[in-house]
């Protein structure tokens, strides 16, 4: 269960850091090398190597328990590595202060939980907390308005966050991530609570951020959405990366059938030519 923090840990009482320099296109902005993570005495990730590149949407897919959310949390520095290393913006994550890290990566957890009755707009405004004291803080109002408009939650601004539906909370939480204006977006199942229209909206936003030069990592269960919107797909299996590459190469019937333990068919979309993944049914 994810928690939205009102301020990044270590934010208050610290000298304002320098904002991150905009990364160039095709830059490896985050990287896991030989990553191992153990939780509760169990190895959840083992020997994971993965590069997150600016200008791309990278989808993490795989069956339940494969390690997708754990890998995302490790990239976010929310979970420590047992072995190996995670780097963000060319530096090991332990080398950044919490506020410096918050300027470089924004995280959307699976579930947003708040302990106080904030309004939807106040939740979105939390994304601007890392920029306090920096010149970009002058942009808070237009940035918040733009993020709420893009996720279609402007009409919810004055409503208590806890009184919103699951899908409305999910879109408000996504708006908070957009308002943070970090060059690395780490999104854990952003479409899970959304209807068809807003699933498409959320992933169009991901594509827009990648086109603008950000690096986007998104955990998805829907292989059709991954095929349609991701530049790369990393398939996780038993805590390891079983495949990593363009959707047309990775979404292969034999691999997917073995990973998911469910026979699948991969067809070509009649208009776009992109892969369509369907369970094999007699």
Protein backbone atom coordinates (compact mmCIF):
# COMPACT_ATOMS: atom_id res chain seq x y z
CA UNK A 1 0.00 0.00 0.00
CA UNK A 2 1.48 3.33 -1.03
CA UNK A 3 1.59 6.50 1.02
CA UNK A 4 1.54 10.01 -0.41
CA UNK A 5 3.97 12.05 1.64
CA UNK A 6 3.14 15.70 2.15
CA UNK A 7 6.86 16.52 1.97
CA UNK A 8 9.78 14.36 0.87
CA UNK A 9 11.79 13.11 3.82
CA UNK A 10 14.63 15.46 4.62
CA UNK A 11 13.08 18.39 2.75
CA UNK A 12 12.60 20.94 5.48
CA UNK A 13 15.56 22.66 7.05
CA UNK A 14 17.94 21.83 4.19
CA UNK A 15 19.71 24.09 1.76
CA UNK A 16 17.88 24.34 -1.57
CA UNK A 17 19.63 21.98 -4.02
CA UNK A 18 20.41 22.76 -7.61
CA UNK A 19 17.60 21.60 -9.90
CA UNK A 20 18.49 18.75 -12.26
CA UNK A 21 19.87 19.60 -15.66
CA UNK A 22 17.52 18.44 -18.44
CA UNK A 23 18.80 15.09 -19.73
CA UNK A 24 19.44 14.73 -23.43
CA UNK A 25 17.40 12.33 -25.56
CA UNK A 26 18.48 8.71 -25.39
CA UNK A 27 20.24 9.17 -22.05
CA UNK A 28 20.37 6.28 -19.60
CA UNK A 29 18.77 8.14 -16.71
CA UNK A 30 18.25 5.23 -14.31
CA UNK A 31 19.96 1.87 -14.19
CA UNK A 32 19.93 -1.33 -12.16
CA UNK A 33 23.05 -3.49 -12.31
CA UNK A 34 23.26 -6.91 -10.69
CA UNK A 35 20.32 -5.92 -8.51
CA UNK A 36 19.21 -8.24 -5.74
CA UNK A 37 16.44 -7.42 -3.28
CA UNK A 38 15.43 -9.62 -0.36
CA UNK A 39 12.18 -9.11 1.54
CA UNK A 40 11.14 -11.12 4.58
CA UNK A 41 14.03 -13.51 4.09
CA UNK A 42 13.02 -14.23 0.48
CA UNK A 43 14.92 -13.19 -2.62
CA UNK A 44 12.44 -11.20 -4.71
CA UNK A 45 14.87 -9.88 -7.33
CA UNK A 46 18.09 -11.56 -8.40
CA UNK A 47 20.72 -10.41 -10.86
CA UNK A 48 18.50 -7.80 -12.48
CA UNK A 49 20.09 -5.50 -15.02
CA UNK A 50 17.92 -2.81 -16.59
CA UNK A 51 18.42 0.57 -18.21
CA UNK A 52 15.79 3.33 -18.24
CA UNK A 53 16.28 5.71 -21.14
CA UNK A 54 14.96 9.23 -21.66
CA UNK A 55 12.43 9.59 -24.45
CA UNK A 56 11.09 6.09 -23.88
CA UNK A 57 8.19 4.40 -22.11
CA UNK A 58 9.41 1.17 -20.53
CA UNK A 59 6.67 -1.25 -19.44
CA UNK A 60 7.38 -3.85 -16.75
CA UNK A 61 5.13 -6.87 -17.22
CA UNK A 62 4.94 -10.37 -15.80
CA UNK A 63 2.77 -12.58 -13.63
CA UNK A 64 1.84 -11.84 -10.04
CA UNK A 65 4.86 -12.13 -7.77
CA UNK A 66 7.39 -11.74 -10.58
CA UNK A 67 8.99 -8.69 -8.90
CA UNK A 68 7.62 -5.80 -10.97
CA UNK A 69 6.60 -3.52 -8.09
CA UNK A 70 9.73 -4.44 -6.15
CA UNK A 71 11.91 -3.45 -9.11
CA UNK A 72 10.04 -0.16 -9.45
CA UNK A 73 10.48 0.55 -5.71
CA UNK A 74 14.20 -0.24 -5.96
CA UNK A 75 14.59 2.16 -8.91
CA UNK A 76 12.81 4.78 -6.79
CA UNK A 77 15.20 4.14 -3.86
CA UNK A 78 12.19 3.23 -1.72
CA UNK A 79 13.62 -0.27 -1.21
CA UNK A 80 17.32 -0.90 -0.53
CA UNK A 81 19.33 -3.29 -2.67
CA UNK A 82 20.69 -6.37 -0.95
CA UNK A 83 23.33 -6.58 -3.67
CA UNK A 84 24.11 -4.74 -6.86
CA UNK A 85 23.45 -1.08 -7.53
CA UNK A 86 20.77 1.37 -8.63
CA UNK A 87 21.82 4.65 -10.20
CA UNK A 88 19.70 7.70 -11.01
CA UNK A 89 21.07 10.56 -13.11
CA UNK A 90 24.50 8.95 -13.11
CA UNK A 91 24.83 8.63 -9.34
CA UNK A 92 24.11 5.77 -6.93
CA UNK A 93 20.75 6.48 -5.31
CA UNK A 94 22.37 6.57 -1.85
CA UNK A 95 24.41 9.56 -3.05
CA UNK A 96 21.35 11.78 -3.41
CA UNK A 97 19.61 13.51 -0.53
CA UNK A 98 15.87 12.79 -0.36
CA UNK A 99 15.09 16.22 -1.76
CA UNK A 100 17.62 15.92 -4.58
CA UNK A 101 16.11 12.55 -5.45
CA UNK A 102 12.59 14.02 -5.37
CA UNK A 103 13.67 16.55 -8.00
CA UNK A 104 14.82 13.73 -10.25
CA UNK A 105 12.20 11.04 -9.91
CA UNK A 106 8.47 10.99 -9.18
CA UNK A 107 6.71 7.86 -7.95
CA UNK A 108 3.11 6.75 -8.30
CA UNK A 109 2.37 3.88 -5.87
CA UNK A 110 -0.31 1.29 -6.51
CA UNK A 111 -2.55 2.74 -3.80
CA UNK A 112 -2.64 6.31 -2.50
CA UNK A 113 -3.34 6.64 1.23
CA UNK A 114 -3.68 9.90 3.16
CA UNK A 115 -4.07 10.35 6.90
CA UNK A 116 -5.57 13.85 6.73
CA UNK A 117 -8.56 15.30 4.83
CA UNK A 118 -6.69 17.06 2.02
CA UNK A 119 -8.58 18.23 -1.02
CA UNK A 120 -7.73 16.90 -4.46
CA UNK A 121 -5.98 20.15 -5.37
CA UNK A 122 -3.89 20.05 -2.18
CA UNK A 123 -2.78 16.53 -3.05
CA UNK A 124 -1.68 17.62 -6.52
CA UNK A 125 0.12 20.60 -4.99
CA UNK A 126 2.19 18.20 -2.87
CA UNK A 127 4.08 17.38 -6.04
CA UNK A 128 5.55 20.88 -5.99
CA UNK A 129 7.09 20.49 -2.51
CA UNK A 130 10.63 19.60 -3.75
CA UNK A 131 10.76 22.87 -5.69
CA UNK A 132 10.19 25.11 -2.65
CA UNK A 133 12.80 27.87 -2.56
CA UNK A 134 13.87 27.31 -6.17
CA UNK A 135 13.04 29.64 -9.07
CA UNK A 136 10.65 27.04 -10.50
CA UNK A 137 8.46 27.47 -7.41
CA UNK A 138 7.06 30.56 -9.16
CA UNK A 139 5.47 28.15 -11.65
CA UNK A 140 3.49 26.23 -9.01
CA UNK A 141 0.05 27.55 -9.92
CA UNK A 142 0.19 26.99 -13.70
CA UNK A 143 1.92 23.62 -13.25
CA UNK A 144 -0.76 22.40 -10.84
CA UNK A 145 -3.55 23.63 -13.12
CA UNK A 146 -1.98 21.98 -16.16
CA UNK A 147 -1.51 18.65 -14.36
CA UNK A 148 -5.11 18.62 -13.16
CA UNK A 149 -6.44 19.54 -16.58
CA UNK A 150 -4.36 16.88 -18.30
CA UNK A 151 -5.69 14.15 -16.00
CA UNK A 152 -9.26 15.53 -16.10
CA UNK A 153 -9.53 16.18 -12.36
CA UNK A 154 -9.90 19.98 -12.35
CA UNK A 155 -13.59 19.64 -11.46
CA UNK A 156 -12.58 17.64 -8.38
CA UNK A 157 -10.25 20.32 -6.98
CA UNK A 158 -12.24 21.19 -3.85
CA UNK A 159 -13.43 17.68 -3.02
CA UNK A 160 -11.81 15.73 -0.16
CA UNK A 161 -9.37 13.18 -1.54
CA UNK A 162 -10.81 10.44 0.67
CA UNK A 163 -14.32 11.02 -0.73
CA UNK A 164 -13.25 10.34 -4.31
CA UNK A 165 -13.80 7.07 -6.14
CA UNK A 166 -10.84 4.77 -6.69
CA UNK A 167 -10.44 5.91 -10.27
CA UNK A 168 -10.68 9.58 -9.32
CA UNK A 169 -8.03 9.12 -6.62
CA UNK A 170 -5.80 7.38 -9.14
CA UNK A 171 -6.03 10.31 -11.55
CA UNK A 172 -5.41 12.87 -8.79
CA UNK A 173 -2.34 10.89 -7.73
CA UNK A 174 -1.13 10.86 -11.34
CA UNK A 175 -1.64 14.64 -11.50
CA UNK A 176 0.57 14.97 -8.41
CA UNK A 177 3.31 13.01 -10.17
CA UNK A 178 3.04 15.23 -13.25
CA UNK A 179 3.15 18.38 -11.12
CA UNK A 180 6.45 17.22 -9.61
CA UNK A 181 8.07 17.78 -13.03
CA UNK A 182 10.77 15.15 -12.46
CA UNK A 183 12.55 13.72 -15.52
CA UNK A 184 12.01 10.13 -14.31
CA UNK A 185 8.45 8.87 -13.79
CA UNK A 186 7.94 5.56 -11.98
CA UNK A 187 4.30 4.47 -12.16
CA UNK A 188 3.00 1.32 -10.49
CA UNK A 189 -0.15 0.04 -12.20
CA UNK A 190 -1.52 3.51 -13.06
CA UNK A 191 -4.40 2.02 -15.06
CA UNK A 192 -5.61 -0.57 -12.52
CA UNK A 193 -8.52 1.48 -11.13
CA UNK A 194 -9.39 3.31 -14.33
CA UNK A 195 -12.16 2.89 -16.87
CA UNK A 196 -11.39 2.42 -20.56
CA UNK A 197 -11.29 6.13 -21.39
CA UNK A 198 -8.99 7.01 -18.51
CA UNK A 199 -6.71 4.03 -19.09
CA UNK A 200 -6.05 5.42 -22.55
CA UNK A 201 -5.69 8.93 -21.13
CA UNK A 202 -3.12 7.86 -18.53
CA UNK A 203 -0.97 6.07 -21.07
CA UNK A 204 -1.23 8.90 -23.59
CA UNK A 205 0.15 11.11 -20.83
CA UNK A 206 3.04 8.65 -20.44
CA UNK A 207 3.75 8.86 -24.17
CA UNK A 208 3.60 12.66 -24.05
CA UNK A 209 6.09 12.82 -21.18
CA UNK A 210 8.45 10.48 -23.03
CA UNK A 211 8.11 12.57 -26.20
CA UNK A 212 9.03 15.62 -24.12
CA UNK A 213 12.25 13.89 -23.04
CA UNK A 214 11.33 12.19 -19.77
CA UNK A 215 12.09 8.58 -18.91
CA UNK A 216 8.93 6.67 -17.99
CA UNK A 217 8.66 3.27 -16.31
CA UNK A 218 5.19 1.82 -15.92
CA UNK A 219 4.08 -1.47 -14.36
CA UNK A 220 1.23 -2.97 -16.38
CA UNK A 221 -0.78 -6.17 -16.32
CA UNK A 222 -2.58 -5.49 -19.60
CA UNK A 223 -0.24 -6.71 -22.34
CA UNK A 224 -2.40 -5.01 -24.98
CA UNK A 225 -1.80 -1.62 -23.35
CA UNK A 226 1.91 -2.38 -23.03
CA UNK A 227 2.08 -3.29 -26.72
CA UNK A 228 0.22 -0.15 -27.76
CA UNK A 229 2.07 2.43 -25.66
CA UNK A 230 5.51 1.15 -24.65
CA UNK A 231 8.72 1.62 -26.61
CA UNK A 232 10.25 -1.26 -24.67
CA UNK A 233 8.84 -4.09 -22.60
CA UNK A 234 10.75 -5.92 -19.87
CA UNK A 235 9.18 -9.26 -18.97
CA UNK A 236 9.90 -10.35 -15.40
CA UNK A 237 9.79 -13.95 -14.26
CA UNK A 238 10.77 -15.28 -10.83
CA UNK A 239 12.61 -12.06 -9.98
CA UNK A 240 14.67 -11.93 -13.16
CA UNK A 241 14.33 -10.18 -16.52
CA UNK A 242 13.28 -12.88 -18.99
CA UNK A 243 13.21 -10.52 -21.99
CA UNK A 244 13.73 -6.84 -22.73
CA UNK A 245 13.14 -5.14 -26.05
CA UNK A 246 10.58 -3.65 -28.45
CA UNK A 247 7.02 -5.01 -28.11
CA UNK A 248 7.08 -6.72 -31.51
CA UNK A 249 10.11 -8.77 -30.47
CA UNK A 250 9.30 -9.41 -26.81
CA UNK A 251 5.62 -10.31 -27.13
CA UNK A 252 6.27 -13.76 -28.54
CA UNK A 253 3.77 -16.59 -27.97
CA UNK A 254 6.26 -19.16 -26.72
CA UNK A 255 7.86 -16.82 -24.20
CA UNK A 256 4.58 -15.42 -22.91
CA UNK A 257 2.95 -18.85 -22.66
CA UNK A 258 5.88 -20.09 -20.57
CA UNK A 259 6.11 -16.99 -18.36
CA UNK A 260 2.39 -16.77 -17.62
CA UNK A 261 1.78 -20.55 -17.66
CA UNK A 262 -1.16 -19.85 -19.94
CA UNK A 263 -1.21 -20.54 -23.69
CA UNK A 264 -1.48 -17.28 -25.62
CA UNK A 265 -1.80 -16.19 -29.20
CA UNK A 266 -0.15 -13.07 -30.62
CA UNK A 267 -1.99 -11.56 -33.56
CA UNK A 268 -1.34 -8.44 -35.61
CA UNK A 269 -3.68 -5.50 -35.33
CA UNK A 270 -5.42 -5.11 -38.70
CA UNK A 271 -4.84 -1.35 -38.84
CA UNK A 272 -1.62 -0.64 -36.93
CA UNK A 273 0.16 -3.97 -37.34
CA UNK A 274 1.03 -3.94 -33.64
CA UNK A 275 0.88 -7.12 -31.56
CA UNK A 276 -2.37 -8.18 -29.91
CA UNK A 277 -2.01 -10.71 -27.10
CA UNK A 278 -4.96 -13.01 -26.42
CA UNK A 279 -5.32 -16.09 -24.22
CA UNK A 280 -5.69 -19.24 -26.28
CA UNK A 281 -9.24 -20.52 -25.93
CA UNK A 282 -10.67 -23.72 -27.37
